[in-house]
Amino acid sequence: MFQKNDENYIYELVSKNIKRLREQKGLTQNQLAEKMGYSTQFISNIESKKNHQTFSLGTLWRIALVLDIDVALLFEDSKNSDEE
């Protein structure tokens, strides 16, 4: 995991939360992508540990809408977001 003083930290944190929350909602990457009008590859890249896909606040807003969550949950830094 990146250190908090590394800008990649926020991408890694949000990526983990997206994956965790998507799985909690019982959605596959493909299902999330379809509901958002995005490609599955884009969602896969967002959730990837190897390739940090950049994304806009608008993308995060859309993800939150589809997952029916408060967008702030995507930035939650907790022990639960570290579960693999």
Protein backbone atom coordinates (compact mmCIF):
# COMPACT_ATOMS: atom_id res chain seq x y z
CA MET A 1 0.00 0.00 0.00
CA PHE A 2 1.18 3.49 -0.80
CA GLN A 3 2.02 5.94 1.97
CA LYS A 4 -0.36 8.84 2.63
CA ASN A 5 2.21 11.32 1.33
CA ASP A 6 2.20 9.62 -2.10
CA GLU A 7 -0.50 10.86 -4.48
CA ASN A 8 -1.13 7.27 -5.58
CA TYR A 9 -2.41 6.57 -2.06
CA ILE A 10 -5.82 8.10 -2.80
CA TYR A 11 -6.21 6.07 -5.98
CA GLU A 12 -5.36 2.87 -4.16
CA LEU A 13 -7.71 3.68 -1.28
CA VAL A 14 -10.64 4.55 -3.54
CA SER A 15 -9.95 1.53 -5.77
CA LYS A 16 -10.10 -0.85 -2.82
CA ASN A 17 -13.30 0.73 -1.58
CA ILE A 18 -14.95 0.54 -5.00
CA LYS A 19 -14.11 -3.14 -5.28
CA ARG A 20 -15.23 -3.92 -1.72
CA LEU A 21 -18.50 -2.01 -2.02
CA ARG A 22 -19.24 -3.41 -5.50
CA GLU A 23 -18.77 -6.94 -4.21
CA GLN A 24 -20.94 -6.21 -1.15
CA LYS A 25 -23.71 -5.16 -3.55
CA GLY A 26 -23.27 -8.44 -5.44
CA LEU A 27 -22.20 -6.79 -8.70
CA THR A 28 -19.54 -7.96 -11.10
CA GLN A 29 -17.24 -5.48 -12.80
CA ASN A 30 -19.21 -6.05 -15.99
CA GLN A 31 -22.53 -5.28 -14.31
CA LEU A 32 -21.18 -2.10 -12.73
CA ALA A 33 -19.70 -1.01 -16.05
CA GLU A 34 -22.97 -1.64 -17.91
CA LYS A 35 -25.01 0.32 -15.36
CA MET A 36 -22.58 3.23 -15.64
CA GLY A 37 -22.23 3.14 -19.43
CA TYR A 38 -18.49 2.48 -19.09
CA SER A 39 -16.34 -0.37 -20.34
CA THR A 40 -15.57 -3.36 -18.15
CA GLN A 41 -11.89 -2.73 -18.85
CA PHE A 42 -12.17 0.76 -17.35
CA ILE A 43 -13.69 -0.63 -14.14
CA SER A 44 -11.06 -3.37 -14.08
CA ASN A 45 -8.32 -0.75 -14.44
CA ILE A 46 -9.79 1.32 -11.60
CA GLU A 47 -9.75 -1.72 -9.31
CA SER A 48 -6.34 -2.95 -10.45
CA LYS A 49 -3.48 -3.08 -7.95
CA LYS A 50 -0.90 -2.89 -10.74
CA ASN A 51 -2.25 -0.16 -13.00
CA HIS A 52 -3.61 2.90 -11.31
CA GLN A 53 -6.32 4.21 -13.60
CA THR A 54 -7.03 7.88 -12.99
CA PHE A 55 -10.67 8.84 -12.75
CA SER A 56 -12.74 11.97 -12.36
CA LEU A 57 -14.98 13.06 -9.54
CA GLY A 58 -17.82 12.60 -11.99
CA THR A 59 -16.87 8.93 -12.34
CA LEU A 60 -16.87 8.52 -8.57
CA TRP A 61 -20.26 10.21 -8.38
CA ARG A 62 -21.62 7.78 -10.98
CA ILE A 63 -20.18 4.79 -9.14
CA ALA A 64 -21.78 6.00 -5.91
CA LEU A 65 -25.15 6.41 -7.65
CA VAL A 66 -25.04 2.92 -9.13
CA LEU A 67 -23.94 1.39 -5.82
CA ASP A 68 -26.54 3.48 -3.97
CA ILE A 69 -23.99 4.79 -1.47
CA ASP A 70 -22.77 8.15 -0.24
CA VAL A 71 -19.74 9.14 -2.34
CA ALA A 72 -17.83 9.81 0.91
CA LEU A 73 -17.70 6.03 1.52
CA LEU A 74 -15.31 5.74 -1.41
CA PHE A 75 -12.76 7.79 0.55
CA GLU A 76 -13.17 5.91 3.83
CA ASP A 77 -9.80 4.93 5.27
CA SER A 78 -10.51 2.05 7.61
CA LYS A 79 -9.26 -1.42 8.43
CA ASN A 80 -12.25 -2.84 6.51
CA SER A 81 -11.01 -1.30 3.25
CA ASP A 82 -7.75 -3.24 3.63
CA GLU A 83 -9.47 -6.64 3.60
CA GLU A 84 -8.58 -8.67 0.57
